[in-house]
Amino acid sequence: MWLLLFIFINNGQYEKTEIQEVYYTEEECKNRGRYANSIGIPENLILTCIKLKGVTEANAKKLH
C-alpha cells in the first residue's frame, strides 16, 4: 500500500503532513503525483509517495 503525502512548508520550516490518497501500487501513486505537478502545486507544498509496510488491504469510508 502506498500513501500520497502532501508536506507543507512555511517560511522554510516544516508545518504539517497530510495523507491525500491511498494506492495499492507505487505506479498509481506516482502517476497521481505527476498529474498534480502538471496542473500546478504551491511552492510551499511537497508531494511524495511512501510505502506503508505490512498493509496489503484497507477498507474504509472516505471522509471527504
N, C-alpha and C. Protein backbone atom coordinates (compact mmCIF):
# COMPACT_ATOMS: atom_id res chain seq x y z
N MET A 1 0.84 -1.17 0.00
CA MET A 1 0.00 0.00 0.00
C MET A 1 0.89 1.24 0.00
N TRP A 2 0.48 2.24 -0.75
CA TRP A 2 1.25 3.48 -0.91
C TRP A 2 0.41 4.67 -0.51
N LEU A 3 1.02 5.63 0.19
CA LEU A 3 0.35 6.86 0.61
C LEU A 3 0.88 8.03 -0.19
N LEU A 4 -0.01 8.84 -0.73
CA LEU A 4 0.38 10.09 -1.37
C LEU A 4 0.30 11.16 -0.30
N LEU A 5 1.45 11.72 0.05
CA LEU A 5 1.52 12.71 1.12
C LEU A 5 1.72 14.10 0.56
N PHE A 6 1.09 15.06 1.21
CA PHE A 6 1.36 16.47 0.99
C PHE A 6 2.13 16.94 2.22
N ILE A 7 3.30 17.49 2.00
CA ILE A 7 4.11 18.04 3.09
C ILE A 7 4.13 19.55 2.92
N PHE A 8 3.66 20.26 3.91
CA PHE A 8 3.55 21.71 3.86
C PHE A 8 4.75 22.35 4.56
N ILE A 9 5.34 23.33 3.88
CA ILE A 9 6.48 24.07 4.40
C ILE A 9 6.04 25.53 4.55
N ASN A 10 6.37 26.15 5.67
CA ASN A 10 6.03 27.55 5.91
C ASN A 10 7.30 28.30 6.32
N ASN A 11 7.70 29.26 5.51
CA ASN A 11 8.93 30.03 5.77
C ASN A 11 10.14 29.12 5.94
N GLY A 12 10.23 28.10 5.10
CA GLY A 12 11.36 27.19 5.13
C GLY A 12 11.32 26.16 6.26
N GLN A 13 10.24 26.13 7.01
CA GLN A 13 10.12 25.21 8.15
C GLN A 13 8.96 24.24 7.89
N TYR A 14 9.14 23.02 8.38
CA TYR A 14 8.06 22.03 8.28
C TYR A 14 6.84 22.53 9.05
N GLU A 15 5.66 22.42 8.43
CA GLU A 15 4.43 22.84 9.08
C GLU A 15 3.53 21.65 9.42
N LYS A 16 3.21 20.84 8.38
CA LYS A 16 2.35 19.67 8.62
C LYS A 16 2.43 18.72 7.44
N THR A 17 1.93 17.51 7.65
CA THR A 17 1.83 16.49 6.61
C THR A 17 0.39 15.99 6.55
N GLU A 18 -0.12 15.82 5.35
CA GLU A 18 -1.46 15.27 5.17
C GLU A 18 -1.40 14.09 4.22
N ILE A 19 -2.11 13.03 4.55
CA ILE A 19 -2.28 11.91 3.63
C ILE A 19 -3.44 12.28 2.72
N GLN A 20 -3.17 12.36 1.42
CA GLN A 20 -4.20 12.76 0.47
C GLN A 20 -4.96 11.57 -0.08
N GLU A 21 -4.22 10.55 -0.49
CA GLU A 21 -4.85 9.39 -1.09
C GLU A 21 -4.04 8.15 -0.79
N VAL A 22 -4.68 6.99 -0.95
CA VAL A 22 -4.06 5.70 -0.70
C VAL A 22 -4.13 4.90 -2.00
N TYR A 23 -3.02 4.25 -2.35
CA TYR A 23 -2.94 3.45 -3.58
C TYR A 23 -2.37 2.08 -3.26
N TYR A 24 -2.69 1.12 -4.10
CA TYR A 24 -2.18 -0.23 -3.90
C TYR A 24 -0.87 -0.47 -4.63
N THR A 25 -0.52 0.41 -5.59
CA THR A 25 0.75 0.24 -6.28
C THR A 25 1.52 1.56 -6.29
N GLU A 26 2.83 1.45 -6.34
CA GLU A 26 3.69 2.62 -6.41
C GLU A 26 3.42 3.41 -7.69
N GLU A 27 3.19 2.70 -8.78
CA GLU A 27 2.96 3.36 -10.07
C GLU A 27 1.72 4.26 -10.03
N GLU A 28 0.62 3.77 -9.44
CA GLU A 28 -0.59 4.59 -9.32
C GLU A 28 -0.33 5.85 -8.51
N CYS A 29 0.38 5.69 -7.42
CA CYS A 29 0.69 6.82 -6.54
C CYS A 29 1.54 7.86 -7.27
N LYS A 30 2.59 7.41 -7.93
CA LYS A 30 3.47 8.33 -8.63
C LYS A 30 2.76 8.99 -9.81
N ASN A 31 1.89 8.26 -10.49
CA ASN A 31 1.13 8.85 -11.59
C ASN A 31 0.24 9.99 -11.09
N ARG A 32 -0.39 9.79 -9.96
CA ARG A 32 -1.24 10.84 -9.39
C ARG A 32 -0.41 12.05 -8.97
N GLY A 33 0.78 11.79 -8.40
CA GLY A 33 1.68 12.87 -8.03
C GLY A 33 2.15 13.65 -9.25
N ARG A 34 2.47 12.95 -10.33
CA ARG A 34 2.87 13.63 -11.58
C ARG A 34 1.72 14.47 -12.13
N TYR A 35 0.50 13.94 -12.05
CA TYR A 35 -0.65 14.69 -12.53
C TYR A 35 -0.81 15.98 -11.72
N ALA A 36 -0.71 15.88 -10.41
CA ALA A 36 -0.83 17.07 -9.55
C ALA A 36 0.24 18.10 -9.91
N ASN A 37 1.47 17.63 -10.13
CA ASN A 37 2.54 18.55 -10.52
C ASN A 37 2.24 19.21 -11.86
N SER A 38 1.63 18.47 -12.77
CA SER A 38 1.37 19.01 -14.11
C SER A 38 0.32 20.12 -14.09
N ILE A 39 -0.61 20.09 -13.14
CA ILE A 39 -1.62 21.14 -13.08
C ILE A 39 -1.19 22.27 -12.15
N GLY A 40 -0.07 22.08 -11.45
CA GLY A 40 0.50 23.14 -10.62
C GLY A 40 0.17 22.96 -9.15
N ILE A 41 1.20 23.03 -8.34
CA ILE A 41 1.04 22.97 -6.89
C ILE A 41 1.76 24.18 -6.29
N PRO A 42 1.36 24.63 -5.12
CA PRO A 42 2.02 25.78 -4.48
C PRO A 42 3.49 25.47 -4.18
N GLU A 43 4.30 26.52 -4.15
CA GLU A 43 5.72 26.35 -3.87
C GLU A 43 5.99 25.76 -2.49
N ASN A 44 5.11 26.00 -1.56
CA ASN A 44 5.33 25.53 -0.18
C ASN A 44 4.81 24.11 0.05
N LEU A 45 4.53 23.39 -1.04
CA LEU A 45 3.96 22.05 -0.93
C LEU A 45 4.88 21.04 -1.61
N ILE A 46 5.16 19.95 -0.91
CA ILE A 46 5.97 18.86 -1.45
C ILE A 46 5.06 17.64 -1.54
N LEU A 47 5.07 16.98 -2.70
CA LEU A 47 4.32 15.74 -2.88
C LEU A 47 5.29 14.57 -2.83
N THR A 48 4.89 13.52 -2.16
CA THR A 48 5.72 12.32 -2.15
C THR A 48 4.86 11.08 -1.92
N CYS A 49 5.34 9.96 -2.40
CA CYS A 49 4.69 8.67 -2.17
C CYS A 49 5.56 7.87 -1.22
N ILE A 50 4.96 7.29 -0.20
CA ILE A 50 5.71 6.42 0.70
C ILE A 50 4.99 5.09 0.82
N LYS A 51 5.79 4.05 1.01
CA LYS A 51 5.24 2.70 1.15
C LYS A 51 4.84 2.49 2.61
N LEU A 52 3.64 2.00 2.80
CA LEU A 52 3.15 1.64 4.12
C LEU A 52 3.37 0.14 4.25
N LYS A 53 4.42 -0.25 4.92
CA LYS A 53 4.81 -1.66 5.00
C LYS A 53 3.86 -2.44 5.91
N GLY A 54 3.63 -3.67 5.52
CA GLY A 54 2.85 -4.57 6.35
C GLY A 54 1.35 -4.49 6.12
N VAL A 55 0.90 -3.57 5.25
CA VAL A 55 -0.53 -3.44 4.97
C VAL A 55 -0.77 -3.82 3.52
N THR A 56 -1.63 -4.78 3.30
CA THR A 56 -1.89 -5.22 1.93
C THR A 56 -3.31 -4.86 1.48
N GLU A 57 -4.18 -4.54 2.44
CA GLU A 57 -5.57 -4.23 2.09
C GLU A 57 -6.14 -3.26 3.11
N ALA A 58 -6.99 -2.36 2.64
CA ALA A 58 -7.65 -1.40 3.54
C ALA A 58 -9.07 -1.23 3.08
N ASN A 59 -9.97 -1.22 4.03
CA ASN A 59 -11.38 -0.98 3.75
C ASN A 59 -11.85 0.12 4.70
N ALA A 60 -12.12 1.28 4.13
CA ALA A 60 -12.54 2.40 4.98
C ALA A 60 -13.49 3.30 4.21
N LYS A 61 -14.24 4.05 4.93
CA LYS A 61 -15.14 5.02 4.34
C LYS A 61 -14.36 6.31 4.10
N LYS A 62 -14.45 6.85 2.89
CA LYS A 62 -13.77 8.11 2.57
C LYS A 62 -14.49 9.24 3.29
N LEU A 63 -13.70 10.09 3.97
CA LEU A 63 -14.29 11.14 4.79
C LEU A 63 -14.59 12.42 4.04
N HIS A 64 -13.87 12.68 2.91
CA HIS A 64 -14.18 13.90 2.18
C HIS A 64 -14.50 13.62 0.77
